[in-house]
Amino acid sequence: MQKHQDLPELHNLSNNLINLRKQKGLTQQEVSAKLNITYQSYQAYELGSATPSLINFIKLAKFFDVSYNSLLE
């Protein structure tokens, strides 16, 4: 498995998720509960150690009200 240093998009995704979550004043547990994603999975997205499935990627973009591209930029 590649680490986020090898995939700049993953690094951007993890940073963007952290920033968006903090802007909403939410914890990782709150976001994961609202999206029906396990806490461990969401935490791994923010750490850049896992990539969300397409379904979860869509959920994240809708929840944070951002475009799909902006999650990766």
PDB file of N, CA and C in Angstrom:
ATOM      1  N   MET A   1       0.837  -1.172   0.000  1.00  0.00           N
ATOM      2  CA  MET A   1       0.000   0.000   0.000  1.00  0.00           C
ATOM      3  C   MET A   1       0.887   1.241   0.000  1.00  0.00           C
ATOM      4  N   GLN A   2       0.515   2.232  -0.832  1.00  0.00           N
ATOM      5  CA  GLN A   2       1.294   3.458  -0.907  1.00  0.00           C
ATOM      6  C   GLN A   2       0.906   4.384   0.234  1.00  0.00           C
ATOM      7  N   LYS A   3       1.862   5.110   0.733  1.00  0.00           N
ATOM      8  CA  LYS A   3       1.594   6.100   1.765  1.00  0.00           C
ATOM      9  C   LYS A   3       1.328   7.440   1.105  1.00  0.00           C
ATOM     10  N   HIS A   4       0.716   8.350   1.867  1.00  0.00           N
ATOM     11  CA  HIS A   4       0.296   9.613   1.252  1.00  0.00           C
ATOM     12  C   HIS A   4       1.454  10.435   0.714  1.00  0.00           C
ATOM     13  N   GLN A   5       2.692  10.225   1.193  1.00  0.00           N
ATOM     14  CA  GLN A   5       3.811  10.973   0.628  1.00  0.00           C
ATOM     15  C   GLN A   5       3.997  10.621  -0.849  1.00  0.00           C
ATOM     16  N   ASP A   6       3.615   9.406  -1.225  1.00  0.00           N
ATOM     17  CA  ASP A   6       3.774   8.947  -2.593  1.00  0.00           C
ATOM     18  C   ASP A   6       2.639   9.433  -3.496  1.00  0.00           C
ATOM     19  N   LEU A   7       1.545   9.839  -2.890  1.00  0.00           N
ATOM     20  CA  LEU A   7       0.378  10.286  -3.647  1.00  0.00           C
ATOM     21  C   LEU A   7      -0.037  11.668  -3.154  1.00  0.00           C
ATOM     22  N   PRO A   8       0.379  12.717  -3.840  1.00  0.00           N
ATOM     23  CA  PRO A   8       0.075  14.077  -3.367  1.00  0.00           C
ATOM     24  C   PRO A   8      -1.418  14.320  -3.169  1.00  0.00           C
ATOM     25  N   GLU A   9      -2.261  13.669  -3.978  1.00  0.00           N
ATOM     26  CA  GLU A   9      -3.699  13.870  -3.847  1.00  0.00           C
ATOM     27  C   GLU A   9      -4.197  13.403  -2.480  1.00  0.00           C
ATOM     28  N   LEU A  10      -3.621  12.320  -1.974  1.00  0.00           N
ATOM     29  CA  LEU A  10      -4.013  11.819  -0.654  1.00  0.00           C
ATOM     30  C   LEU A  10      -3.586  12.789   0.432  1.00  0.00           C
ATOM     31  N   HIS A  11      -2.417  13.345   0.287  1.00  0.00           N
ATOM     32  CA  HIS A  11      -1.954  14.336   1.263  1.00  0.00           C
ATOM     33  C   HIS A  11      -2.905  15.529   1.264  1.00  0.00           C
ATOM     34  N   ASN A  12      -3.299  15.985   0.083  1.00  0.00           N
ATOM     35  CA  ASN A  12      -4.240  17.098  -0.020  1.00  0.00           C
ATOM     36  C   ASN A  12      -5.586  16.728   0.575  1.00  0.00           C
ATOM     37  N   LEU A  13      -6.055  15.518   0.279  1.00  0.00           N
ATOM     38  CA  LEU A  13      -7.333  15.076   0.819  1.00  0.00           C
ATOM     39  C   LEU A  13      -7.302  15.086   2.343  1.00  0.00           C
ATOM     40  N   SER A  14      -6.273  14.518   2.922  1.00  0.00           N
ATOM     41  CA  SER A  14      -6.212  14.459   4.389  1.00  0.00           C
ATOM     42  C   SER A  14      -6.164  15.860   4.985  1.00  0.00           C
ATOM     43  N   ASN A  15      -5.361  16.751   4.433  1.00  0.00           N
ATOM     44  CA  ASN A  15      -5.303  18.131   4.932  1.00  0.00           C
ATOM     45  C   ASN A  15      -6.637  18.845   4.766  1.00  0.00           C
ATOM     46  N   ASN A  16      -7.271  18.655   3.623  1.00  0.00           N
ATOM     47  CA  ASN A  16      -8.560  19.303   3.383  1.00  0.00           C
ATOM     48  C   ASN A  16      -9.627  18.801   4.343  1.00  0.00           C
ATOM     49  N   LEU A  17      -9.642  17.493   4.595  1.00  0.00           N
ATOM     50  CA  LEU A  17     -10.632  16.950   5.530  1.00  0.00           C
ATOM     51  C   LEU A  17     -10.426  17.520   6.934  1.00  0.00           C
ATOM     52  N   ILE A  18      -9.190  17.606   7.350  1.00  0.00           N
ATOM     53  CA  ILE A  18      -8.894  18.171   8.673  1.00  0.00           C
ATOM     54  C   ILE A  18      -9.386  19.616   8.748  1.00  0.00           C
ATOM     55  N   ASN A  19      -9.044  20.417   7.741  1.00  0.00           N
ATOM     56  CA  ASN A  19      -9.432  21.832   7.738  1.00  0.00           C
ATOM     57  C   ASN A  19     -10.942  22.008   7.692  1.00  0.00           C
ATOM     58  N   LEU A  20     -11.610  21.241   6.835  1.00  0.00           N
ATOM     59  CA  LEU A  20     -13.066  21.359   6.716  1.00  0.00           C
ATOM     60  C   LEU A  20     -13.762  20.945   8.010  1.00  0.00           C
ATOM     61  N   ARG A  21     -13.281  19.882   8.621  1.00  0.00           N
ATOM     62  CA  ARG A  21     -13.871  19.417   9.878  1.00  0.00           C
ATOM     63  C   ARG A  21     -13.697  20.470  10.974  1.00  0.00           C
ATOM     64  N   LYS A  22     -12.512  21.034  11.056  1.00  0.00           N
ATOM     65  CA  LYS A  22     -12.248  22.048  12.084  1.00  0.00           C
ATOM     66  C   LYS A  22     -13.071  23.311  11.845  1.00  0.00           C
ATOM     67  N   GLN A  23     -13.287  23.667  10.574  1.00  0.00           N
ATOM     68  CA  GLN A  23     -14.119  24.835  10.263  1.00  0.00           C
ATOM     69  C   GLN A  23     -15.537  24.643  10.774  1.00  0.00           C
ATOM     70  N   LYS A  24     -16.008  23.397  10.758  1.00  0.00           N
ATOM     71  CA  LYS A  24     -17.350  23.094  11.256  1.00  0.00           C
ATOM     72  C   LYS A  24     -17.360  22.890  12.771  1.00  0.00           C
ATOM     73  N   GLY A  25     -16.180  22.872  13.380  1.00  0.00           N
ATOM     74  CA  GLY A  25     -16.101  22.692  14.819  1.00  0.00           C
ATOM     75  C   GLY A  25     -16.489  21.296  15.276  1.00  0.00           C
ATOM     76  N   LEU A  26     -16.180  20.301  14.462  1.00  0.00           N
ATOM     77  CA  LEU A  26     -16.560  18.925  14.758  1.00  0.00           C
ATOM     78  C   LEU A  26     -15.343  18.066  15.073  1.00  0.00           C
ATOM     79  N   THR A  27     -15.584  16.998  15.808  1.00  0.00           N
ATOM     80  CA  THR A  27     -14.544  16.007  16.057  1.00  0.00           C
ATOM     81  C   THR A  27     -14.600  14.943  14.966  1.00  0.00           C
ATOM     82  N   GLN A  28     -13.566  14.144  14.886  1.00  0.00           N
ATOM     83  CA  GLN A  28     -13.559  13.027  13.943  1.00  0.00           C
ATOM     84  C   GLN A  28     -14.725  12.087  14.236  1.00  0.00           C
ATOM     85  N   GLN A  29     -15.007  11.850  15.483  1.00  0.00           N
ATOM     86  CA  GLN A  29     -16.103  10.955  15.859  1.00  0.00           C
ATOM     87  C   GLN A  29     -17.448  11.515  15.415  1.00  0.00           C
ATOM     88  N   GLU A  30     -17.626  12.822  15.541  1.00  0.00           N
ATOM     89  CA  GLU A  30     -18.892  13.431  15.124  1.00  0.00           C
ATOM     90  C   GLU A  30     -19.083  13.316  13.622  1.00  0.00           C
ATOM     91  N   VAL A  31     -18.040  13.578  12.858  1.00  0.00           N
ATOM     92  CA  VAL A  31     -18.139  13.469  11.399  1.00  0.00           C
ATOM     93  C   VAL A  31     -18.439  12.024  11.009  1.00  0.00           C
ATOM     94  N   SER A  32     -17.701  11.097  11.573  1.00  0.00           N
ATOM     95  CA  SER A  32     -17.911   9.696  11.204  1.00  0.00           C
ATOM     96  C   SER A  32     -19.326   9.247  11.550  1.00  0.00           C
ATOM     97  N   ALA A  33     -19.854   9.677  12.692  1.00  0.00           N
ATOM     98  CA  ALA A  33     -21.214   9.298  13.086  1.00  0.00           C
ATOM     99  C   ALA A  33     -22.248   9.896  12.132  1.00  0.00           C
ATOM    100  N   LYS A  34     -22.068  11.170  11.768  1.00  0.00           N
ATOM    101  CA  LYS A  34     -23.022  11.830  10.871  1.00  0.00           C
ATOM    102  C   LYS A  34     -23.038  11.196   9.485  1.00  0.00           C
ATOM    103  N   LEU A  35     -21.886  10.654   9.057  1.00  0.00           N
ATOM    104  CA  LEU A  35     -21.791  10.063   7.720  1.00  0.00           C
ATOM    105  C   LEU A  35     -21.943   8.545   7.729  1.00  0.00           C
ATOM    106  N   ASN A  36     -22.149   7.984   8.915  1.00  0.00           N
ATOM    107  CA  ASN A  36     -22.264   6.535   9.042  1.00  0.00           C
ATOM    108  C   ASN A  36     -21.034   5.820   8.488  1.00  0.00           C
ATOM    109  N   ILE A  37     -19.876   6.369   8.852  1.00  0.00           N
ATOM    110  CA  ILE A  37     -18.568   5.801   8.499  1.00  0.00           C
ATOM    111  C   ILE A  37     -17.908   5.433   9.826  1.00  0.00           C
ATOM    112  N   THR A  38     -17.186   4.342   9.867  1.00  0.00           N
ATOM    113  CA  THR A  38     -16.537   4.002  11.127  1.00  0.00           C
ATOM    114  C   THR A  38     -15.523   5.091  11.486  1.00  0.00           C
ATOM    115  N   TYR A  39     -15.364   5.292  12.780  1.00  0.00           N
ATOM    116  CA  TYR A  39     -14.402   6.272  13.263  1.00  0.00           C
ATOM    117  C   TYR A  39     -13.003   5.949  12.746  1.00  0.00           C
ATOM    118  N   GLN A  40     -12.645   4.677  12.770  1.00  0.00           N
ATOM    119  CA  GLN A  40     -11.310   4.263  12.328  1.00  0.00           C
ATOM    120  C   GLN A  40     -11.091   4.594  10.851  1.00  0.00           C
ATOM    121  N   SER A  41     -12.119   4.408  10.043  1.00  0.00           N
ATOM    122  CA  SER A  41     -11.991   4.730   8.615  1.00  0.00           C
ATOM    123  C   SER A  41     -11.806   6.223   8.416  1.00  0.00           C
ATOM    124  N   TYR A  42     -12.647   7.017   9.077  1.00  0.00           N
ATOM    125  CA  TYR A  42     -12.524   8.462   8.908  1.00  0.00           C
ATOM    126  C   TYR A  42     -11.167   8.951   9.400  1.00  0.00           C
ATOM    127  N   GLN A  43     -10.736   8.436  10.529  1.00  0.00           N
ATOM    128  CA  GLN A  43      -9.433   8.816  11.068  1.00  0.00           C
ATOM    129  C   GLN A  43      -8.329   8.484  10.066  1.00  0.00           C
ATOM    130  N   ALA A  44      -8.418   7.333   9.430  1.00  0.00           N
ATOM    131  CA  ALA A  44      -7.421   6.923   8.435  1.00  0.00           C
ATOM    132  C   ALA A  44      -7.445   7.857   7.224  1.00  0.00           C
ATOM    133  N   TYR A  45      -8.617   8.368   6.845  1.00  0.00           N
ATOM    134  CA  TYR A  45      -8.684   9.332   5.738  1.00  0.00           C
ATOM    135  C   TYR A  45      -7.911  10.595   6.107  1.00  0.00           C
ATOM    136  N   GLU A  46      -8.107  11.070   7.335  1.00  0.00           N
ATOM    137  CA  GLU A  46      -7.399  12.278   7.754  1.00  0.00           C
ATOM    138  C   GLU A  46      -5.902  12.038   7.909  1.00  0.00           C
ATOM    139  N   LEU A  47      -5.521  10.840   8.292  1.00  0.00           N
ATOM    140  CA  LEU A  47      -4.098  10.517   8.424  1.00  0.00           C
ATOM    141  C   LEU A  47      -3.442  10.257   7.066  1.00  0.00           C
ATOM    142  N   GLY A  48      -4.257  10.031   6.051  1.00  0.00           N
ATOM    143  CA  GLY A  48      -3.732   9.731   4.728  1.00  0.00           C
ATOM    144  C   GLY A  48      -3.279   8.294   4.587  1.00  0.00           C
ATOM    145  N   SER A  49      -3.694   7.447   5.500  1.00  0.00           N
ATOM    146  CA  SER A  49      -3.288   6.047   5.438  1.00  0.00           C
ATOM    147  C   SER A  49      -4.311   5.170   4.725  1.00  0.00           C
ATOM    148  N   ALA A  50      -5.454   5.763   4.363  1.00  0.00           N
ATOM    149  CA  ALA A  50      -6.476   5.031   3.607  1.00  0.00           C
ATOM    150  C   ALA A  50      -7.219   6.023   2.720  1.00  0.00           C
ATOM    151  N   THR A  51      -7.746   5.517   1.636  1.00  0.00           N
ATOM    152  CA  THR A  51      -8.555   6.349   0.753  1.00  0.00           C
ATOM    153  C   THR A  51     -10.017   5.954   0.900  1.00  0.00           C
ATOM    154  N   PRO A  52     -10.896   6.922   0.863  1.00  0.00           N
ATOM    155  CA  PRO A  52     -12.320   6.583   0.979  1.00  0.00           C
ATOM    156  C   PRO A  52     -12.815   5.871  -0.278  1.00  0.00           C
ATOM    157  N   SER A  53     -13.790   5.006  -0.075  1.00  0.00           N
ATOM    158  CA  SER A  53     -14.467   4.399  -1.215  1.00  0.00           C
ATOM    159  C   SER A  53     -15.168   5.519  -1.981  1.00  0.00           C
ATOM    160  N   LEU A  54     -15.605   5.225  -3.175  1.00  0.00           N
ATOM    161  CA  LEU A  54     -16.303   6.233  -3.976  1.00  0.00           C
ATOM    162  C   LEU A  54     -17.539   6.736  -3.237  1.00  0.00           C
ATOM    163  N   ILE A  55     -18.279   5.829  -2.635  1.00  0.00           N
ATOM    164  CA  ILE A  55     -19.488   6.214  -1.884  1.00  0.00           C
ATOM    165  C   ILE A  55     -19.120   7.157  -0.740  1.00  0.00           C
ATOM    166  N   ASN A  56     -18.089   6.818   0.015  1.00  0.00           N
ATOM    167  CA  ASN A  56     -17.691   7.671   1.134  1.00  0.00           C
ATOM    168  C   ASN A  56     -17.099   8.990   0.659  1.00  0.00           C
ATOM    169  N   PHE A  57     -16.404   8.965  -0.453  1.00  0.00           N
ATOM    170  CA  PHE A  57     -15.866  10.199  -1.025  1.00  0.00           C
ATOM    171  C   PHE A  57     -17.007  11.155  -1.369  1.00  0.00           C
ATOM    172  N   ILE A  58     -18.052  10.621  -1.965  1.00  0.00           N
ATOM    173  CA  ILE A  58     -19.231  11.426  -2.310  1.00  0.00           C
ATOM    174  C   ILE A  58     -19.900  11.957  -1.044  1.00  0.00           C
ATOM    175  N   LYS A  59     -20.036  11.096  -0.035  1.00  0.00           N
ATOM    176  CA  LYS A  59     -20.617  11.530   1.240  1.00  0.00           C
ATOM    177  C   LYS A  59     -19.823  12.681   1.849  1.00  0.00           C
ATOM    178  N   LEU A  60     -18.506  12.567   1.808  1.00  0.00           N
ATOM    179  CA  LEU A  60     -17.650  13.609   2.380  1.00  0.00           C
ATOM    180  C   LEU A  60     -17.841  14.934   1.653  1.00  0.00           C
ATOM    181  N   ALA A  61     -17.834  14.903   0.327  1.00  0.00           N
ATOM    182  CA  ALA A  61     -17.999  16.136  -0.444  1.00  0.00           C
ATOM    183  C   ALA A  61     -19.355  16.781  -0.167  1.00  0.00           C
ATOM    184  N   LYS A  62     -20.394  15.972  -0.109  1.00  0.00           N
ATOM    185  CA  LYS A  62     -21.732  16.516   0.159  1.00  0.00           C
ATOM    186  C   LYS A  62     -21.822  17.068   1.577  1.00  0.00           C
ATOM    187  N   PHE A  63     -21.293  16.335   2.530  1.00  0.00           N
ATOM    188  CA  PHE A  63     -21.359  16.770   3.926  1.00  0.00           C
ATOM    189  C   PHE A  63     -20.639  18.102   4.122  1.00  0.00           C
ATOM    190  N   PHE A  64     -19.463  18.242   3.533  1.00  0.00           N
ATOM    191  CA  PHE A  64     -18.691  19.466   3.691  1.00  0.00           C
ATOM    192  C   PHE A  64     -19.087  20.525   2.658  1.00  0.00           C
ATOM    193  N   ASP A  65     -20.025  20.175   1.771  1.00  0.00           N
ATOM    194  CA  ASP A  65     -20.555  21.102   0.766  1.00  0.00           C
ATOM    195  C   ASP A  65     -19.440  21.684  -0.107  1.00  0.00           C
ATOM    196  N   VAL A  66     -18.616  20.777  -0.633  1.00  0.00           N
ATOM    197  CA  VAL A  66     -17.525  21.167  -1.524  1.00  0.00           C
ATOM    198  C   VAL A  66     -17.551  20.265  -2.758  1.00  0.00           C
ATOM    199  N   SER A  67     -16.881  20.714  -3.797  1.00  0.00           N
ATOM    200  CA  SER A  67     -16.803  19.895  -5.007  1.00  0.00           C
ATOM    201  C   SER A  67     -15.847  18.737  -4.777  1.00  0.00           C
ATOM    202  N   TYR A  68     -15.995  17.721  -5.584  1.00  0.00           N
ATOM    203  CA  TYR A  68     -15.114  16.561  -5.495  1.00  0.00           C
ATOM    204  C   TYR A  68     -13.660  16.986  -5.732  1.00  0.00           C
ATOM    205  N   ASN A  69     -13.469  17.824  -6.735  1.00  0.00           N
ATOM    206  CA  ASN A  69     -12.114  18.276  -7.054  1.00  0.00           C
ATOM    207  C   ASN A  69     -11.477  19.040  -5.907  1.00  0.00           C
ATOM    208  N   SER A  70     -12.261  19.849  -5.229  1.00  0.00           N
ATOM    209  CA  SER A  70     -11.671  20.670  -4.155  1.00  0.00           C
ATOM    210  C   SER A  70     -11.197  19.811  -2.990  1.00  0.00           C
ATOM    211  N   LEU A  71     -11.733  18.617  -2.819  1.00  0.00           N
ATOM    212  CA  LEU A  71     -11.243  17.734  -1.770  1.00  0.00           C
ATOM    213  C   LEU A  71      -9.822  17.264  -2.073  1.00  0.00           C
ATOM    214  N   LEU A  72      -9.461  17.240  -3.342  1.00  0.00           N
ATOM    215  CA  LEU A  72      -8.153  16.710  -3.748  1.00  0.00           C
ATOM    216  C   LEU A  72      -7.142  17.800  -4.088  1.00  0.00           C
ATOM    217  N   GLU A  73      -7.580  19.035  -4.167  1.00  0.00           N
ATOM    218  CA  GLU A  73      -6.669  20.125  -4.580  1.00  0.00           C
ATOM    219  C   GLU A  73      -5.843  20.620  -3.414  1.00  0.00           C
TER     220      GLU A  73
END
